[in-house]
């Protein structure tokens, strides 16, 4: 299993749009689901800090993630640009295999 964990800071007025886009059935999950080896995405909202969210994207292995980027890189970049501004900050926390 290969996972990517991201942390986001989201203001209250953008929370609904962020949640819709980053939820398992949101546009990111729909894009990832087009590729082989995608096992799903999870979205978590921090109970102690309301502006903090985490996503966990799961892939069969790192090769499937890299294959997705090669096949869907332009769609990935386009969606990333389209959703720019939903989060005021974002950072990768972890990328690796079990």
C-alpha atoms as a PDB file:
ATOM      1  CA  UNK A   1       0.000   0.000   0.000  1.00  0.00           C
ATOM      2  CA  UNK A   2       1.280   3.455  -0.967  1.00  0.00           C
ATOM      3  CA  UNK A   3      -0.257   6.450   0.824  1.00  0.00           C
ATOM      4  CA  UNK A   4      -0.084  10.212   0.481  1.00  0.00           C
ATOM      5  CA  UNK A   5      -1.165  12.326   3.455  1.00  0.00           C
ATOM      6  CA  UNK A   6      -1.845  16.048   3.096  1.00  0.00           C
ATOM      7  CA  UNK A   7      -2.783  18.694   5.643  1.00  0.00           C
ATOM      8  CA  UNK A   8      -4.912  21.716   4.719  1.00  0.00           C
ATOM      9  CA  UNK A   9      -5.937  24.900   6.483  1.00  0.00           C
ATOM     10  CA  UNK A  10      -9.387  25.993   5.317  1.00  0.00           C
ATOM     11  CA  UNK A  11     -11.329  29.103   6.314  1.00  0.00           C
ATOM     12  CA  UNK A  12     -14.955  28.685   7.399  1.00  0.00           C
ATOM     13  CA  UNK A  13     -16.369  30.399   4.313  1.00  0.00           C
ATOM     14  CA  UNK A  14     -14.634  27.852   2.053  1.00  0.00           C
ATOM     15  CA  UNK A  15     -15.192  24.734   4.164  1.00  0.00           C
ATOM     16  CA  UNK A  16     -18.266  23.476   2.285  1.00  0.00           C
ATOM     17  CA  UNK A  17     -16.627  23.850  -1.131  1.00  0.00           C
ATOM     18  CA  UNK A  18     -13.399  22.281   0.147  1.00  0.00           C
ATOM     19  CA  UNK A  19     -15.248  19.332   1.671  1.00  0.00           C
ATOM     20  CA  UNK A  20     -17.205  18.759  -1.538  1.00  0.00           C
ATOM     21  CA  UNK A  21     -14.035  18.760  -3.658  1.00  0.00           C
ATOM     22  CA  UNK A  22     -11.847  16.667  -1.349  1.00  0.00           C
ATOM     23  CA  UNK A  23     -14.409  14.153  -0.065  1.00  0.00           C
ATOM     24  CA  UNK A  24     -14.038  10.550  -1.251  1.00  0.00           C
ATOM     25  CA  UNK A  25     -16.684  11.138  -3.926  1.00  0.00           C
ATOM     26  CA  UNK A  26     -15.434  14.640  -4.758  1.00  0.00           C
ATOM     27  CA  UNK A  27     -13.627  15.745  -7.878  1.00  0.00           C
ATOM     28  CA  UNK A  28     -10.219  14.587  -6.646  1.00  0.00           C
ATOM     29  CA  UNK A  29     -11.522  11.112  -5.848  1.00  0.00           C
ATOM     30  CA  UNK A  30     -13.289  10.976  -9.207  1.00  0.00           C
ATOM     31  CA  UNK A  31     -10.078  11.865 -11.029  1.00  0.00           C
ATOM     32  CA  UNK A  32      -7.966   9.371  -9.086  1.00  0.00           C
ATOM     33  CA  UNK A  33     -10.581   6.642  -9.627  1.00  0.00           C
ATOM     34  CA  UNK A  34      -9.919   6.801 -13.359  1.00  0.00           C
ATOM     35  CA  UNK A  35      -6.556   5.114 -12.764  1.00  0.00           C
ATOM     36  CA  UNK A  36      -5.662   1.522 -11.987  1.00  0.00           C
ATOM     37  CA  UNK A  37      -4.482   0.828  -8.463  1.00  0.00           C
ATOM     38  CA  UNK A  38      -6.351   3.623  -6.702  1.00  0.00           C
ATOM     39  CA  UNK A  39      -7.838   2.283  -3.468  1.00  0.00           C
ATOM     40  CA  UNK A  40      -9.593   5.412  -2.234  1.00  0.00           C
ATOM     41  CA  UNK A  41      -9.257   8.701  -0.474  1.00  0.00           C
ATOM     42  CA  UNK A  42     -10.299   9.735   3.013  1.00  0.00           C
ATOM     43  CA  UNK A  43     -11.032  13.221   4.339  1.00  0.00           C
ATOM     44  CA  UNK A  44     -10.734  14.094   8.027  1.00  0.00           C
ATOM     45  CA  UNK A  45     -11.780  17.284   9.820  1.00  0.00           C
ATOM     46  CA  UNK A  46      -9.866  18.059  13.013  1.00  0.00           C
ATOM     47  CA  UNK A  47     -12.261  18.178  15.968  1.00  0.00           C
ATOM     48  CA  UNK A  48      -9.909  20.352  18.031  1.00  0.00           C
ATOM     49  CA  UNK A  49      -8.908  22.757  15.288  1.00  0.00           C
ATOM     50  CA  UNK A  50     -11.816  23.536  12.979  1.00  0.00           C
ATOM     51  CA  UNK A  51      -9.722  24.943  10.137  1.00  0.00           C
ATOM     52  CA  UNK A  52      -7.567  21.800   9.806  1.00  0.00           C
ATOM     53  CA  UNK A  53      -8.272  18.930   7.400  1.00  0.00           C
ATOM     54  CA  UNK A  54      -6.284  15.848   6.391  1.00  0.00           C
ATOM     55  CA  UNK A  55      -6.568  13.728   3.280  1.00  0.00           C
ATOM     56  CA  UNK A  56      -5.197  10.235   2.863  1.00  0.00           C
ATOM     57  CA  UNK A  57      -4.961   8.884  -0.674  1.00  0.00           C
ATOM     58  CA  UNK A  58      -4.295   5.155  -0.969  1.00  0.00           C
ATOM     59  CA  UNK A  59      -2.773   3.383  -3.953  1.00  0.00           C
ATOM     60  CA  UNK A  60      -1.811  -0.238  -4.479  1.00  0.00           C
ATOM     61  CA  UNK A  61       1.826   0.815  -4.816  1.00  0.00           C
ATOM     62  CA  UNK A  62       3.988   3.774  -5.747  1.00  0.00           C
ATOM     63  CA  UNK A  63       4.164   2.627  -9.361  1.00  0.00           C
ATOM     64  CA  UNK A  64       0.378   3.006  -9.698  1.00  0.00           C
ATOM     65  CA  UNK A  65       0.642   6.563  -8.332  1.00  0.00           C
ATOM     66  CA  UNK A  66       3.428   7.392 -10.797  1.00  0.00           C
ATOM     67  CA  UNK A  67       1.473   5.807 -13.669  1.00  0.00           C
ATOM     68  CA  UNK A  68      -1.515   7.968 -12.749  1.00  0.00           C
ATOM     69  CA  UNK A  69       0.656  11.086 -12.923  1.00  0.00           C
ATOM     70  CA  UNK A  70       1.959  10.133 -16.363  1.00  0.00           C
ATOM     71  CA  UNK A  71      -1.507   9.353 -17.717  1.00  0.00           C
ATOM     72  CA  UNK A  72      -3.492  12.125 -16.030  1.00  0.00           C
ATOM     73  CA  UNK A  73      -0.863  14.749 -15.218  1.00  0.00           C
ATOM     74  CA  UNK A  74      -2.489  17.526 -17.212  1.00  0.00           C
ATOM     75  CA  UNK A  75      -5.921  16.842 -15.668  1.00  0.00           C
ATOM     76  CA  UNK A  76      -4.275  16.772 -12.219  1.00  0.00           C
ATOM     77  CA  UNK A  77      -2.575  20.140 -12.782  1.00  0.00           C
ATOM     78  CA  UNK A  78      -5.758  21.647 -14.210  1.00  0.00           C
ATOM     79  CA  UNK A  79      -7.871  20.545 -11.244  1.00  0.00           C
ATOM     80  CA  UNK A  80      -5.231  21.754  -8.809  1.00  0.00           C
ATOM     81  CA  UNK A  81      -5.288  25.199 -10.452  1.00  0.00           C
ATOM     82  CA  UNK A  82      -9.107  25.243 -10.538  1.00  0.00           C
ATOM     83  CA  UNK A  83      -9.314  24.568  -6.786  1.00  0.00           C
ATOM     84  CA  UNK A  84      -6.565  27.033  -5.877  1.00  0.00           C
ATOM     85  CA  UNK A  85      -7.677  29.201  -2.985  1.00  0.00           C
ATOM     86  CA  UNK A  86      -9.996  26.732  -1.255  1.00  0.00           C
ATOM     87  CA  UNK A  87      -7.244  26.161   1.291  1.00  0.00           C
ATOM     88  CA  UNK A  88      -5.132  28.996   2.650  1.00  0.00           C
ATOM     89  CA  UNK A  89      -2.285  26.563   3.326  1.00  0.00           C
ATOM     90  CA  UNK A  90      -1.458  22.993   2.386  1.00  0.00           C
ATOM     91  CA  UNK A  91       1.472  20.689   2.934  1.00  0.00           C
ATOM     92  CA  UNK A  92       2.461  17.115   2.369  1.00  0.00           C
ATOM     93  CA  UNK A  93       2.841  15.240   5.668  1.00  0.00           C
ATOM     94  CA  UNK A  94       3.758  11.787   4.392  1.00  0.00           C
ATOM     95  CA  UNK A  95       4.272   9.839   1.214  1.00  0.00           C
ATOM     96  CA  UNK A  96       5.313   6.224   1.504  1.00  0.00           C
ATOM     97  CA  UNK A  97       4.561   2.538   1.621  1.00  0.00           C
ATOM     98  CA  UNK A  98       3.466   0.102   4.268  1.00  0.00           C
END
